[in-house]
């Protein structure tokens, strides 16, 4: 994973062309590697986070065809070719990193430390593939001159995602996840963990934080696994347990019976009375 810095005036060319330019060759970049597109902080609007888009590295070559001149109006020695530009939930790497590395000191690009990469991958796990019509689709589905409640959003998206998860095939394989559905489910359940009942904590930038877990992994490509029946609102600790602890699950149709390290939990939709999980 690599962080690339961009001023506000170069961002449009980067996003439109899926390219970057530099005089300092990133010799450590490998095909398929995630590129964090970071806007320099002095060019941000108040409250705006620097990383709002990512893409995947393809190749680096000398700019003998003057592509940088065409795109940005000045010449750099190297052109960085990328693909699969897509939006992510905005963040500042210096706010979520766990290493002592100061990424703000990087002039153009920097290799992300492995311990920070793990945190970032968790952060962007709800990323969706960017398409020009995506914003129009969201506008048609959710605005309609009023705000839809979570049940309406979940109902519409359950119908939309009735088939198998879709994959966009590039150098890396990325599942198209319905992030709007995840947000609606978090809102419906009040950001409270459906396993341990821990309430979502307050984020320093405002709003509540909780995570969403897919009970049947999306890479199984099973039908309808993008729908709400397969999603649980969970706290970060329970989410890690579901991935790494000794876990056994049973689908109750509706709801789930979950055994974590020998402790039994029952999770049901909001319209069914929830057991105490003691």
C-alpha atoms as a PDB file:
ATOM      1  CA  UNK A   1       0.000   0.000   0.000  1.00  0.00           C
ATOM      2  CA  UNK A   2       1.337   3.413  -1.033  1.00  0.00           C
ATOM      3  CA  UNK A   3       0.286   6.955  -0.118  1.00  0.00           C
ATOM      4  CA  UNK A   4       0.446   9.462  -2.987  1.00  0.00           C
ATOM      5  CA  UNK A   5       0.018  13.170  -2.296  1.00  0.00           C
ATOM      6  CA  UNK A   6      -1.829  15.538  -4.613  1.00  0.00           C
ATOM      7  CA  UNK A   7      -2.670  19.223  -4.542  1.00  0.00           C
ATOM      8  CA  UNK A   8      -6.281  20.213  -5.159  1.00  0.00           C
ATOM      9  CA  UNK A   9      -5.515  21.351  -8.707  1.00  0.00           C
ATOM     10  CA  UNK A  10      -4.079  17.937  -9.696  1.00  0.00           C
ATOM     11  CA  UNK A  11      -6.800  15.783  -8.129  1.00  0.00           C
ATOM     12  CA  UNK A  12      -9.183  15.984 -11.098  1.00  0.00           C
ATOM     13  CA  UNK A  13      -6.544  14.639 -13.502  1.00  0.00           C
ATOM     14  CA  UNK A  14      -5.604  11.835 -11.112  1.00  0.00           C
ATOM     15  CA  UNK A  15      -9.218  10.690 -10.663  1.00  0.00           C
ATOM     16  CA  UNK A  16     -10.230  11.110 -14.309  1.00  0.00           C
ATOM     17  CA  UNK A  17      -7.163   9.475 -15.842  1.00  0.00           C
ATOM     18  CA  UNK A  18      -6.299   6.956 -13.069  1.00  0.00           C
ATOM     19  CA  UNK A  19      -2.723   8.210 -13.266  1.00  0.00           C
ATOM     20  CA  UNK A  20      -0.183   9.967 -11.117  1.00  0.00           C
ATOM     21  CA  UNK A  21       3.100  11.652 -11.999  1.00  0.00           C
ATOM     22  CA  UNK A  22       6.350  12.084 -10.091  1.00  0.00           C
ATOM     23  CA  UNK A  23      10.048  12.752 -10.481  1.00  0.00           C
ATOM     24  CA  UNK A  24      10.813  10.199  -7.745  1.00  0.00           C
ATOM     25  CA  UNK A  25      10.127   6.657  -8.990  1.00  0.00           C
ATOM     26  CA  UNK A  26       8.288   4.441  -6.433  1.00  0.00           C
ATOM     27  CA  UNK A  27      10.539   1.420  -6.912  1.00  0.00           C
ATOM     28  CA  UNK A  28       8.709  -0.503  -4.159  1.00  0.00           C
ATOM     29  CA  UNK A  29       5.330  -0.464  -5.973  1.00  0.00           C
ATOM     30  CA  UNK A  30       3.944  -3.794  -7.197  1.00  0.00           C
ATOM     31  CA  UNK A  31       1.034  -4.528  -9.602  1.00  0.00           C
ATOM     32  CA  UNK A  32      -2.321  -4.544  -7.853  1.00  0.00           C
ATOM     33  CA  UNK A  33      -1.064  -2.621  -4.822  1.00  0.00           C
ATOM     34  CA  UNK A  34      -3.521  -0.145  -3.318  1.00  0.00           C
ATOM     35  CA  UNK A  35      -2.737   3.535  -3.903  1.00  0.00           C
ATOM     36  CA  UNK A  36      -4.166   5.962  -1.330  1.00  0.00           C
ATOM     37  CA  UNK A  37      -4.986   9.199  -3.161  1.00  0.00           C
ATOM     38  CA  UNK A  38      -4.286  11.847  -0.539  1.00  0.00           C
ATOM     39  CA  UNK A  39      -4.987  15.539  -1.018  1.00  0.00           C
ATOM     40  CA  UNK A  40      -2.468  17.848   0.639  1.00  0.00           C
ATOM     41  CA  UNK A  41      -3.953  19.204   3.858  1.00  0.00           C
ATOM     42  CA  UNK A  42      -3.331  22.860   3.080  1.00  0.00           C
ATOM     43  CA  UNK A  43      -5.661  22.553   0.042  1.00  0.00           C
ATOM     44  CA  UNK A  44      -8.563  20.891   1.911  1.00  0.00           C
ATOM     45  CA  UNK A  45     -11.827  22.586   2.756  1.00  0.00           C
ATOM     46  CA  UNK A  46     -12.625  22.937   6.499  1.00  0.00           C
ATOM     47  CA  UNK A  47     -13.544  19.531   7.931  1.00  0.00           C
ATOM     48  CA  UNK A  48     -12.533  17.658   4.770  1.00  0.00           C
ATOM     49  CA  UNK A  49     -10.421  14.496   5.118  1.00  0.00           C
ATOM     50  CA  UNK A  50      -7.414  14.084   2.800  1.00  0.00           C
ATOM     51  CA  UNK A  51      -8.017  10.468   1.656  1.00  0.00           C
ATOM     52  CA  UNK A  52     -11.339   9.978  -0.096  1.00  0.00           C
ATOM     53  CA  UNK A  53     -10.321   7.815  -3.070  1.00  0.00           C
ATOM     54  CA  UNK A  54      -8.120   4.817  -3.736  1.00  0.00           C
ATOM     55  CA  UNK A  55      -6.938   2.984  -6.878  1.00  0.00           C
ATOM     56  CA  UNK A  56      -4.654   0.090  -7.837  1.00  0.00           C
ATOM     57  CA  UNK A  57      -1.112   0.362  -9.178  1.00  0.00           C
ATOM     58  CA  UNK A  58      -0.465  -1.092 -12.653  1.00  0.00           C
ATOM     59  CA  UNK A  59       2.914   0.206 -13.824  1.00  0.00           C
ATOM     60  CA  UNK A  60       5.454   3.024 -13.721  1.00  0.00           C
ATOM     61  CA  UNK A  61       7.231   4.257 -16.824  1.00  0.00           C
ATOM     62  CA  UNK A  62       9.186   7.257 -18.056  1.00  0.00           C
ATOM     63  CA  UNK A  63       6.904   9.905 -19.491  1.00  0.00           C
ATOM     64  CA  UNK A  64       8.357   9.919 -22.998  1.00  0.00           C
ATOM     65  CA  UNK A  65       4.942  10.721 -24.509  1.00  0.00           C
ATOM     66  CA  UNK A  66       4.438  13.830 -22.353  1.00  0.00           C
ATOM     67  CA  UNK A  67       1.250  12.525 -20.749  1.00  0.00           C
ATOM     68  CA  UNK A  68       1.843  14.611 -17.638  1.00  0.00           C
ATOM     69  CA  UNK A  69       1.997  17.744 -19.786  1.00  0.00           C
ATOM     70  CA  UNK A  70      -1.339  16.849 -21.363  1.00  0.00           C
ATOM     71  CA  UNK A  71      -3.078  16.032 -18.084  1.00  0.00           C
ATOM     72  CA  UNK A  72      -1.609  18.591 -15.666  1.00  0.00           C
ATOM     73  CA  UNK A  73       0.111  21.177 -17.823  1.00  0.00           C
ATOM     74  CA  UNK A  74       3.649  20.449 -16.626  1.00  0.00           C
ATOM     75  CA  UNK A  75       6.179  17.670 -17.086  1.00  0.00           C
ATOM     76  CA  UNK A  76       7.192  14.962 -14.595  1.00  0.00           C
ATOM     77  CA  UNK A  77       9.729  12.259 -15.315  1.00  0.00           C
ATOM     78  CA  UNK A  78       7.527   9.278 -14.460  1.00  0.00           C
ATOM     79  CA  UNK A  79       3.899   8.403 -15.134  1.00  0.00           C
ATOM     80  CA  UNK A  80       2.189   6.054 -12.655  1.00  0.00           C
ATOM     81  CA  UNK A  81      -0.497   4.036 -14.434  1.00  0.00           C
ATOM     82  CA  UNK A  82      -3.329   2.794 -12.229  1.00  0.00           C
ATOM     83  CA  UNK A  83      -6.871   1.442 -12.488  1.00  0.00           C
ATOM     84  CA  UNK A  84     -10.099   0.938 -10.564  1.00  0.00           C
ATOM     85  CA  UNK A  85     -10.447   4.394  -9.017  1.00  0.00           C
ATOM     86  CA  UNK A  86     -13.104   4.197  -6.301  1.00  0.00           C
ATOM     87  CA  UNK A  87     -14.344   6.227  -3.334  1.00  0.00           C
ATOM     88  CA  UNK A  88     -13.862   5.251   0.304  1.00  0.00           C
ATOM     89  CA  UNK A  89     -15.148   6.623   3.565  1.00  0.00           C
ATOM     90  CA  UNK A  90     -12.941   9.716   4.011  1.00  0.00           C
ATOM     91  CA  UNK A  91     -10.106   9.468   6.532  1.00  0.00           C
ATOM     92  CA  UNK A  92      -6.791  10.942   7.612  1.00  0.00           C
ATOM     93  CA  UNK A  93      -4.047   8.323   7.838  1.00  0.00           C
ATOM     94  CA  UNK A  94      -2.373  10.231  10.680  1.00  0.00           C
ATOM     95  CA  UNK A  95      -5.570   9.904  12.746  1.00  0.00           C
ATOM     96  CA  UNK A  96      -6.013   6.128  12.410  1.00  0.00           C
ATOM     97  CA  UNK A  97      -2.423   4.851  12.097  1.00  0.00           C
ATOM     98  CA  UNK A  98      -0.868   2.871  14.941  1.00  0.00           C
ATOM     99  CA  UNK A  99       2.780   3.173  13.911  1.00  0.00           C
ATOM    100  CA  UNK A 100       5.009   6.129  14.746  1.00  0.00           C
ATOM    101  CA  UNK A 101       5.583   6.941  11.076  1.00  0.00           C
ATOM    102  CA  UNK A 102       4.846  10.553  10.137  1.00  0.00           C
ATOM    103  CA  UNK A 103       3.184  10.338   6.724  1.00  0.00           C
ATOM    104  CA  UNK A 104       2.767  14.080   6.553  1.00  0.00           C
ATOM    105  CA  UNK A 105       6.519  14.403   6.066  1.00  0.00           C
ATOM    106  CA  UNK A 106       6.390  12.601   2.710  1.00  0.00           C
ATOM    107  CA  UNK A 107       7.008  14.892  -0.245  1.00  0.00           C
ATOM    108  CA  UNK A 108       5.185  12.914  -2.960  1.00  0.00           C
ATOM    109  CA  UNK A 109       4.692   9.269  -1.966  1.00  0.00           C
ATOM    110  CA  UNK A 110       5.367   6.949   0.951  1.00  0.00           C
ATOM    111  CA  UNK A 111       5.168   3.220   1.624  1.00  0.00           C
ATOM    112  CA  UNK A 112       2.518   2.447   4.249  1.00  0.00           C
ATOM    113  CA  UNK A 113       3.763   0.462   7.231  1.00  0.00           C
ATOM    114  CA  UNK A 114       2.280  -3.088   7.510  1.00  0.00           C
ATOM    115  CA  UNK A 115       0.647  -2.403  10.887  1.00  0.00           C
ATOM    116  CA  UNK A 116      -1.040   0.699   9.471  1.00  0.00           C
ATOM    117  CA  UNK A 117      -2.042  -1.125   6.302  1.00  0.00           C
ATOM    118  CA  UNK A 118      -4.117  -3.595   8.334  1.00  0.00           C
ATOM    119  CA  UNK A 119      -6.032  -0.763  10.000  1.00  0.00           C
ATOM    120  CA  UNK A 120      -6.593   0.975   6.669  1.00  0.00           C
ATOM    121  CA  UNK A 121      -7.852  -2.207   5.009  1.00  0.00           C
ATOM    122  CA  UNK A 122     -10.441  -2.528   7.778  1.00  0.00           C
ATOM    123  CA  UNK A 123     -11.410   1.110   7.247  1.00  0.00           C
ATOM    124  CA  UNK A 124     -11.914   0.806   3.495  1.00  0.00           C
ATOM    125  CA  UNK A 125     -13.534  -2.645   3.589  1.00  0.00           C
ATOM    126  CA  UNK A 126     -16.889  -1.112   2.714  1.00  0.00           C
ATOM    127  CA  UNK A 127     -15.500   0.503  -0.454  1.00  0.00           C
ATOM    128  CA  UNK A 128     -17.603   0.374  -3.606  1.00  0.00           C
ATOM    129  CA  UNK A 129     -16.479   0.451  -7.219  1.00  0.00           C
ATOM    130  CA  UNK A 130     -16.700   3.963  -8.603  1.00  0.00           C
ATOM    131  CA  UNK A 131     -18.919   4.492 -11.627  1.00  0.00           C
ATOM    132  CA  UNK A 132     -19.978   7.872 -13.058  1.00  0.00           C
ATOM    133  CA  UNK A 133     -23.657   6.911 -12.728  1.00  0.00           C
ATOM    134  CA  UNK A 134     -23.324   5.817  -9.089  1.00  0.00           C
ATOM    135  CA  UNK A 135     -24.313   9.205  -7.626  1.00  0.00           C
ATOM    136  CA  UNK A 136     -27.328   9.417  -9.968  1.00  0.00           C
ATOM    137  CA  UNK A 137     -28.444   5.969  -8.827  1.00  0.00           C
ATOM    138  CA  UNK A 138     -28.197   6.937  -5.156  1.00  0.00           C
ATOM    139  CA  UNK A 139     -30.123  10.136  -5.880  1.00  0.00           C
ATOM    140  CA  UNK A 140     -32.993   8.241  -7.579  1.00  0.00           C
ATOM    141  CA  UNK A 141     -33.205   5.591  -4.881  1.00  0.00           C
ATOM    142  CA  UNK A 142     -32.916   7.640  -1.738  1.00  0.00           C
ATOM    143  CA  UNK A 143     -33.847  11.264  -2.228  1.00  0.00           C
ATOM    144  CA  UNK A 144     -37.185  11.418  -4.057  1.00  0.00           C
ATOM    145  CA  UNK A 145     -37.925  14.730  -2.337  1.00  0.00           C
ATOM    146  CA  UNK A 146     -37.846  13.088   1.098  1.00  0.00           C
ATOM    147  CA  UNK A 147     -35.584  11.056   3.371  1.00  0.00           C
ATOM    148  CA  UNK A 148     -36.302   7.331   3.399  1.00  0.00           C
ATOM    149  CA  UNK A 149     -36.216   5.560   6.754  1.00  0.00           C
ATOM    150  CA  UNK A 150     -33.832   2.612   7.318  1.00  0.00           C
ATOM    151  CA  UNK A 151     -36.557  -0.023   6.722  1.00  0.00           C
ATOM    152  CA  UNK A 152     -37.375   1.468   3.307  1.00  0.00           C
ATOM    153  CA  UNK A 153     -33.699   1.598   2.331  1.00  0.00           C
ATOM    154  CA  UNK A 154     -33.113  -1.985   3.493  1.00  0.00           C
ATOM    155  CA  UNK A 155     -36.213  -3.225   1.642  1.00  0.00           C
ATOM    156  CA  UNK A 156     -35.203  -1.576  -1.641  1.00  0.00           C
ATOM    157  CA  UNK A 157     -31.604  -2.767  -1.423  1.00  0.00           C
ATOM    158  CA  UNK A 158     -32.578  -6.327  -0.469  1.00  0.00           C
ATOM    159  CA  UNK A 159     -34.484  -6.465  -3.775  1.00  0.00           C
ATOM    160  CA  UNK A 160     -31.596  -4.896  -5.658  1.00  0.00           C
ATOM    161  CA  UNK A 161     -29.011  -7.318  -4.238  1.00  0.00           C
ATOM    162  CA  UNK A 162     -31.022 -10.543  -4.650  1.00  0.00           C
ATOM    163  CA  UNK A 163     -28.401 -12.204  -6.840  1.00  0.00           C
ATOM    164  CA  UNK A 164     -24.842 -13.355  -6.157  1.00  0.00           C
ATOM    165  CA  UNK A 165     -22.248 -10.745  -5.180  1.00  0.00           C
ATOM    166  CA  UNK A 166     -20.698  -9.142  -8.251  1.00  0.00           C
ATOM    167  CA  UNK A 167     -16.945  -8.997  -8.722  1.00  0.00           C
ATOM    168  CA  UNK A 168     -14.956  -6.534 -10.755  1.00  0.00           C
ATOM    169  CA  UNK A 169     -12.013  -8.414 -12.173  1.00  0.00           C
ATOM    170  CA  UNK A 170      -8.797  -6.465 -12.247  1.00  0.00           C
ATOM    171  CA  UNK A 171      -5.366  -7.349 -10.956  1.00  0.00           C
ATOM    172  CA  UNK A 172      -7.051  -7.689  -7.566  1.00  0.00           C
ATOM    173  CA  UNK A 173     -10.555  -8.995  -6.892  1.00  0.00           C
ATOM    174  CA  UNK A 174     -12.916  -6.576  -5.149  1.00  0.00           C
ATOM    175  CA  UNK A 175     -16.485  -7.352  -4.178  1.00  0.00           C
ATOM    176  CA  UNK A 176     -19.027  -4.641  -4.906  1.00  0.00           C
ATOM    177  CA  UNK A 177     -20.426  -4.110  -1.413  1.00  0.00           C
ATOM    178  CA  UNK A 178     -23.639  -2.103  -0.853  1.00  0.00           C
ATOM    179  CA  UNK A 179     -22.271   0.436   1.629  1.00  0.00           C
ATOM    180  CA  UNK A 180     -25.623   2.308   1.779  1.00  0.00           C
ATOM    181  CA  UNK A 181     -27.259  -0.896   3.067  1.00  0.00           C
ATOM    182  CA  UNK A 182     -24.576  -1.270   5.744  1.00  0.00           C
ATOM    183  CA  UNK A 183     -25.177   2.310   6.882  1.00  0.00           C
ATOM    184  CA  UNK A 184     -28.941   1.784   6.987  1.00  0.00           C
ATOM    185  CA  UNK A 185     -28.597  -1.356   9.102  1.00  0.00           C
ATOM    186  CA  UNK A 186     -26.277   0.422  11.537  1.00  0.00           C
ATOM    187  CA  UNK A 187     -28.862   3.181  11.871  1.00  0.00           C
ATOM    188  CA  UNK A 188     -31.747   0.712  12.289  1.00  0.00           C
ATOM    189  CA  UNK A 189     -30.010  -1.056  15.186  1.00  0.00           C
ATOM    190  CA  UNK A 190     -28.739   2.151  16.764  1.00  0.00           C
ATOM    191  CA  UNK A 191     -25.055   1.269  16.179  1.00  0.00           C
ATOM    192  CA  UNK A 192     -25.369  -1.272  19.019  1.00  0.00           C
ATOM    193  CA  UNK A 193     -23.495  -4.570  18.755  1.00  0.00           C
ATOM    194  CA  UNK A 194     -26.037  -7.318  18.110  1.00  0.00           C
ATOM    195  CA  UNK A 195     -23.862  -9.815  19.994  1.00  0.00           C
ATOM    196  CA  UNK A 196     -22.551  -8.151  23.166  1.00  0.00           C
ATOM    197  CA  UNK A 197     -24.915  -5.111  23.082  1.00  0.00           C
ATOM    198  CA  UNK A 198     -22.010  -2.642  23.338  1.00  0.00           C
ATOM    199  CA  UNK A 199     -23.254   0.758  22.059  1.00  0.00           C
ATOM    200  CA  UNK A 200     -21.414   2.340  19.163  1.00  0.00           C
ATOM    201  CA  UNK A 201     -18.862   4.835  20.412  1.00  0.00           C
ATOM    202  CA  UNK A 202     -18.742   8.506  19.420  1.00  0.00           C
ATOM    203  CA  UNK A 203     -16.288   9.273  16.619  1.00  0.00           C
ATOM    204  CA  UNK A 204     -14.117  12.327  17.123  1.00  0.00           C
ATOM    205  CA  UNK A 205     -15.280  13.685  13.783  1.00  0.00           C
ATOM    206  CA  UNK A 206     -18.934  13.281  14.800  1.00  0.00           C
ATOM    207  CA  UNK A 207     -21.431  10.431  14.574  1.00  0.00           C
ATOM    208  CA  UNK A 208     -21.400   6.900  15.946  1.00  0.00           C
ATOM    209  CA  UNK A 209     -19.034   4.067  15.006  1.00  0.00           C
ATOM    210  CA  UNK A 210     -19.939   0.421  14.565  1.00  0.00           C
ATOM    211  CA  UNK A 211     -18.986  -2.261  12.062  1.00  0.00           C
ATOM    212  CA  UNK A 212     -20.909  -4.720   9.909  1.00  0.00           C
ATOM    213  CA  UNK A 213     -20.075  -8.420   9.579  1.00  0.00           C
ATOM    214  CA  UNK A 214     -21.142 -10.727   6.749  1.00  0.00           C
ATOM    215  CA  UNK A 215     -22.058 -14.053   8.357  1.00  0.00           C
ATOM    216  CA  UNK A 216     -21.535 -15.945   5.096  1.00  0.00           C
ATOM    217  CA  UNK A 217     -18.345 -14.612   3.526  1.00  0.00           C
ATOM    218  CA  UNK A 218     -18.923 -12.758   0.269  1.00  0.00           C
ATOM    219  CA  UNK A 219     -16.079 -14.572  -1.444  1.00  0.00           C
ATOM    220  CA  UNK A 220     -18.233 -17.728  -1.306  1.00  0.00           C
ATOM    221  CA  UNK A 221     -20.356 -16.035  -3.995  1.00  0.00           C
ATOM    222  CA  UNK A 222     -23.533 -17.525  -2.525  1.00  0.00           C
ATOM    223  CA  UNK A 223     -26.868 -16.038  -3.700  1.00  0.00           C
ATOM    224  CA  UNK A 224     -28.357 -13.132  -1.730  1.00  0.00           C
ATOM    225  CA  UNK A 225     -25.407 -12.797   0.679  1.00  0.00           C
ATOM    226  CA  UNK A 226     -25.376  -9.027   0.073  1.00  0.00           C
ATOM    227  CA  UNK A 227     -28.848  -8.782   1.643  1.00  0.00           C
ATOM    228  CA  UNK A 228     -29.620  -7.640   5.179  1.00  0.00           C
ATOM    229  CA  UNK A 229     -30.275 -11.160   6.569  1.00  0.00           C
ATOM    230  CA  UNK A 230     -26.542 -11.863   6.213  1.00  0.00           C
ATOM    231  CA  UNK A 231     -25.359  -8.699   7.985  1.00  0.00           C
ATOM    232  CA  UNK A 232     -24.848  -8.111  11.706  1.00  0.00           C
ATOM    233  CA  UNK A 233     -24.030  -4.817  13.398  1.00  0.00           C
ATOM    234  CA  UNK A 234     -21.053  -5.534  15.648  1.00  0.00           C
ATOM    235  CA  UNK A 235     -18.492  -3.757  17.782  1.00  0.00           C
ATOM    236  CA  UNK A 236     -14.829  -3.967  16.662  1.00  0.00           C
ATOM    237  CA  UNK A 237     -13.999  -6.604  19.313  1.00  0.00           C
ATOM    238  CA  UNK A 238     -16.860  -8.945  18.394  1.00  0.00           C
ATOM    239  CA  UNK A 239     -16.049  -8.408  14.720  1.00  0.00           C
ATOM    240  CA  UNK A 240     -12.491  -9.626  15.288  1.00  0.00           C
ATOM    241  CA  UNK A 241     -13.793 -12.576  17.298  1.00  0.00           C
ATOM    242  CA  UNK A 242     -16.116 -13.571  14.454  1.00  0.00           C
ATOM    243  CA  UNK A 243     -13.121 -13.663  12.131  1.00  0.00           C
ATOM    244  CA  UNK A 244     -10.434 -15.145  14.360  1.00  0.00           C
ATOM    245  CA  UNK A 245     -11.970 -16.868  17.404  1.00  0.00           C
ATOM    246  CA  UNK A 246     -13.338 -20.421  17.593  1.00  0.00           C
ATOM    247  CA  UNK A 247     -16.746 -19.710  16.054  1.00  0.00           C
ATOM    248  CA  UNK A 248     -19.646 -21.937  15.046  1.00  0.00           C
ATOM    249  CA  UNK A 249     -22.814 -20.526  13.474  1.00  0.00           C
ATOM    250  CA  UNK A 250     -26.267 -21.756  12.555  1.00  0.00           C
ATOM    251  CA  UNK A 251     -28.806 -19.831  10.467  1.00  0.00           C
ATOM    252  CA  UNK A 252     -32.214 -19.924  12.207  1.00  0.00           C
ATOM    253  CA  UNK A 253     -34.225 -18.323   9.383  1.00  0.00           C
ATOM    254  CA  UNK A 254     -34.574 -15.680  10.627  1.00  0.00           C
ATOM    255  CA  UNK A 255     -31.672 -14.924  12.927  1.00  0.00           C
ATOM    256  CA  UNK A 256     -28.474 -16.679  13.914  1.00  0.00           C
ATOM    257  CA  UNK A 257     -27.195 -18.944  16.647  1.00  0.00           C
ATOM    258  CA  UNK A 258     -23.532 -18.106  17.222  1.00  0.00           C
ATOM    259  CA  UNK A 259     -21.046 -19.933  19.440  1.00  0.00           C
ATOM    260  CA  UNK A 260     -17.905 -17.912  20.210  1.00  0.00           C
ATOM    261  CA  UNK A 261     -15.230 -19.668  22.271  1.00  0.00           C
ATOM    262  CA  UNK A 262     -17.942 -21.862  23.807  1.00  0.00           C
ATOM    263  CA  UNK A 263     -20.330 -19.003  24.654  1.00  0.00           C
ATOM    264  CA  UNK A 264     -23.733 -19.064  22.952  1.00  0.00           C
ATOM    265  CA  UNK A 265     -25.429 -16.022  21.427  1.00  0.00           C
ATOM    266  CA  UNK A 266     -28.750 -15.667  19.617  1.00  0.00           C
ATOM    267  CA  UNK A 267     -29.243 -12.798  17.194  1.00  0.00           C
ATOM    268  CA  UNK A 268     -32.614 -11.975  15.609  1.00  0.00           C
ATOM    269  CA  UNK A 269     -34.023  -9.186  13.401  1.00  0.00           C
ATOM    270  CA  UNK A 270     -35.436  -6.145  15.185  1.00  0.00           C
ATOM    271  CA  UNK A 271     -39.054  -7.274  14.797  1.00  0.00           C
ATOM    272  CA  UNK A 272     -38.391 -10.458  16.823  1.00  0.00           C
ATOM    273  CA  UNK A 273     -37.861 -10.354  20.577  1.00  0.00           C
ATOM    274  CA  UNK A 274     -34.161 -10.603  21.381  1.00  0.00           C
ATOM    275  CA  UNK A 275     -32.931 -13.069  24.035  1.00  0.00           C
ATOM    276  CA  UNK A 276     -30.667 -11.755  26.790  1.00  0.00           C
ATOM    277  CA  UNK A 277     -27.427 -13.424  25.507  1.00  0.00           C
ATOM    278  CA  UNK A 278     -26.150 -13.968  29.023  1.00  0.00           C
END
